[in-house]
C-alpha atoms as a PDB file:
ATOM      1  CA  MET A   1      24.602   5.536 -11.543  1.00  0.00           C
ATOM      2  CA  ALA A   2      21.209   4.070 -12.358  1.00  0.00           C
ATOM      3  CA  LEU A   3      20.022   4.259  -8.757  1.00  0.00           C
ATOM      4  CA  GLU A   4      20.522   8.014  -8.682  1.00  0.00           C
ATOM      5  CA  ALA A   5      18.365   8.399 -11.793  1.00  0.00           C
ATOM      6  CA  ILE A   6      15.198   7.368  -9.919  1.00  0.00           C
ATOM      7  CA  SER A   7      13.232  10.544  -9.367  1.00  0.00           C
ATOM      8  CA  TYR A   8      11.993  11.839  -6.028  1.00  0.00           C
ATOM      9  CA  ALA A   9       8.723  10.110  -5.035  1.00  0.00           C
ATOM     10  CA  LYS A  10       9.134   7.438  -7.743  1.00  0.00           C
ATOM     11  CA  THR A  11      10.016   3.759  -7.326  1.00  0.00           C
ATOM     12  CA  SER A  12      11.631   1.137  -9.444  1.00  0.00           C
ATOM     13  CA  THR A  13      12.145  -2.595  -9.060  1.00  0.00           C
ATOM     14  CA  TYR A  14      15.366  -4.546  -8.788  1.00  0.00           C
ATOM     15  CA  LYS A  15      14.537  -6.090 -12.199  1.00  0.00           C
ATOM     16  CA  GLU A  16      13.899  -2.695 -13.809  1.00  0.00           C
ATOM     17  CA  LEU A  17      17.158  -1.400 -12.404  1.00  0.00           C
ATOM     18  CA  ALA A  18      19.078  -4.430 -13.707  1.00  0.00           C
ATOM     19  CA  THR A  19      17.475  -3.991 -17.139  1.00  0.00           C
ATOM     20  CA  SER A  20      18.326  -0.277 -17.179  1.00  0.00           C
ATOM     21  CA  ILE A  21      22.022  -1.104 -16.872  1.00  0.00           C
ATOM     22  CA  GLY A  22      21.837  -3.778 -19.569  1.00  0.00           C
ATOM     23  CA  LYS A  23      22.121  -6.703 -17.156  1.00  0.00           C
ATOM     24  CA  GLU A  24      18.576  -8.078 -17.106  1.00  0.00           C
ATOM     25  CA  LYS A  25      19.598 -11.300 -15.349  1.00  0.00           C
ATOM     26  CA  ALA A  26      21.638  -9.568 -12.658  1.00  0.00           C
ATOM     27  CA  VAL A  27      18.686  -8.922 -10.335  1.00  0.00           C
ATOM     28  CA  ARG A  28      20.418 -10.477  -7.330  1.00  0.00           C
ATOM     29  CA  ALA A  29      23.626  -8.576  -7.981  1.00  0.00           C
ATOM     30  CA  VAL A  30      21.628  -5.338  -8.159  1.00  0.00           C
ATOM     31  CA  GLY A  31      19.966  -6.235  -4.868  1.00  0.00           C
ATOM     32  CA  ASN A  32      23.304  -6.979  -3.215  1.00  0.00           C
ATOM     33  CA  ALA A  33      24.875  -3.762  -4.491  1.00  0.00           C
ATOM     34  CA  ASN A  34      21.834  -1.801  -3.346  1.00  0.00           C
ATOM     35  CA  GLY A  35      22.114  -3.350   0.082  1.00  0.00           C
ATOM     36  CA  LYS A  36      25.728  -2.211   0.387  1.00  0.00           C
ATOM     37  CA  ASN A  37      24.879   1.423  -0.304  1.00  0.00           C
ATOM     38  CA  VAL A  38      26.530   3.407   2.508  1.00  0.00           C
ATOM     39  CA  LEU A  39      25.125   6.732   1.243  1.00  0.00           C
ATOM     40  CA  SER A  40      21.463   5.846   1.526  1.00  0.00           C
ATOM     41  CA  ILE A  41      20.390   9.418   2.229  1.00  0.00           C
ATOM     42  CA  VAL A  42      22.248  10.738  -0.830  1.00  0.00           C
ATOM     43  CA  ILE A  43      21.728   7.703  -3.105  1.00  0.00           C
ATOM     44  CA  PRO A  44      18.049   6.745  -2.577  1.00  0.00           C
ATOM     45  CA  CYS A  45      18.105   2.955  -2.270  1.00  0.00           C
ATOM     46  CA  HIS A  46      14.726   3.069  -0.470  1.00  0.00           C
ATOM     47  CA  ARG A  47      13.091   3.700  -3.850  1.00  0.00           C
ATOM     48  CA  ILE A  48      13.774   0.116  -5.010  1.00  0.00           C
ATOM     49  CA  ILE A  49      10.902  -2.279  -4.373  1.00  0.00           C
ATOM     50  CA  GLY A  50      10.144  -5.909  -5.205  1.00  0.00           C
ATOM     51  CA  SER A  51       8.654  -6.779  -8.607  1.00  0.00           C
ATOM     52  CA  ASN A  52       5.377  -7.633  -6.906  1.00  0.00           C
ATOM     53  CA  GLY A  53       5.228  -4.186  -5.293  1.00  0.00           C
ATOM     54  CA  THR A  54       6.317  -5.270  -1.836  1.00  0.00           C
ATOM     55  CA  LEU A  55       8.762  -3.313   0.268  1.00  0.00           C
ATOM     56  CA  THR A  56      11.677  -5.663   0.475  1.00  0.00           C
ATOM     57  CA  GLY A  57      14.916  -5.390   2.410  1.00  0.00           C
ATOM     58  CA  TYR A  58      16.265  -2.107   3.654  1.00  0.00           C
ATOM     59  CA  ALA A  59      19.202  -1.627   5.990  1.00  0.00           C
ATOM     60  CA  GLY A  60      17.228   1.046   7.859  1.00  0.00           C
ATOM     61  CA  GLU A  61      14.363  -1.434   8.368  1.00  0.00           C
ATOM     62  CA  VAL A  62      11.306  -1.811   6.165  1.00  0.00           C
ATOM     63  CA  TRP A  63       9.117   0.476   8.308  1.00  0.00           C
ATOM     64  CA  ARG A  64      11.576   3.311   7.642  1.00  0.00           C
ATOM     65  CA  LYS A  65      11.577   2.567   3.902  1.00  0.00           C
ATOM     66  CA  GLU A  66       7.777   2.803   3.933  1.00  0.00           C
ATOM     67  CA  TRP A  67       7.941   6.085   5.872  1.00  0.00           C
ATOM     68  CA  LEU A  68      10.433   7.581   3.406  1.00  0.00           C
ATOM     69  CA  LEU A  69       8.338   6.580   0.387  1.00  0.00           C
ATOM     70  CA  ASN A  70       5.169   7.949   1.986  1.00  0.00           C
ATOM     71  CA  HIS A  71       6.987  11.156   2.953  1.00  0.00           C
ATOM     72  CA  GLU A  72       8.188  11.662  -0.623  1.00  0.00           C
ATOM     73  CA  GLN A  73       4.692  11.035  -2.006  1.00  0.00           C
ATOM     74  CA  LYS A  74       3.202  13.515   0.443  1.00  0.00           C
ATOM     75  CA  HIS A  75       5.728  16.211  -0.388  1.00  0.00           C
ATOM     76  CA  ASN A  76       6.141  15.550  -4.085  1.00  0.00           C
ATOM     77  CA  GLY A  77       6.138  18.909  -5.824  1.00  0.00           C
ATOM     78  CA  LYS A  78       6.056  20.759  -2.499  1.00  0.00           C
ATOM     79  CA  ARG A  79       9.670  20.421  -1.444  1.00  0.00           C
ATOM     80  CA  THR A  80      11.106  23.134   0.718  1.00  0.00           C
ATOM     81  CA  ALA A  81      14.440  23.689   2.428  1.00  0.00           C
ATOM     82  CA  ALA A  82      12.882  22.104   5.553  1.00  0.00           C
ATOM     83  CA  ASP A  83      12.160  18.841   3.686  1.00  0.00           C
END
C-alpha cells in the first residue's frame, strides 16, 4: 500500500500519493480512502498533508495530526522502544 511506504517523519500530499499509484486525477478518492483508514496507528494517514502544506482533515483532529508529525520530527533517528 502506498500509504505505508511513507517513511517515519516524512510527509506526502494527496496528489503525490495519487500519482504514486498511477491515478494522478484520483486525489479526492485518495483523500476519501485515507479518511476511512481504521488502522491509523499502524498505517500512518497523519503523514498526508494538503498540496499547499496545510494540515488538512484527520479523524483524530488536526491538532493531533500536528502533534504526531512534530513528535516524529523530534524523534527521527532517535527511536527507542518507548517511542
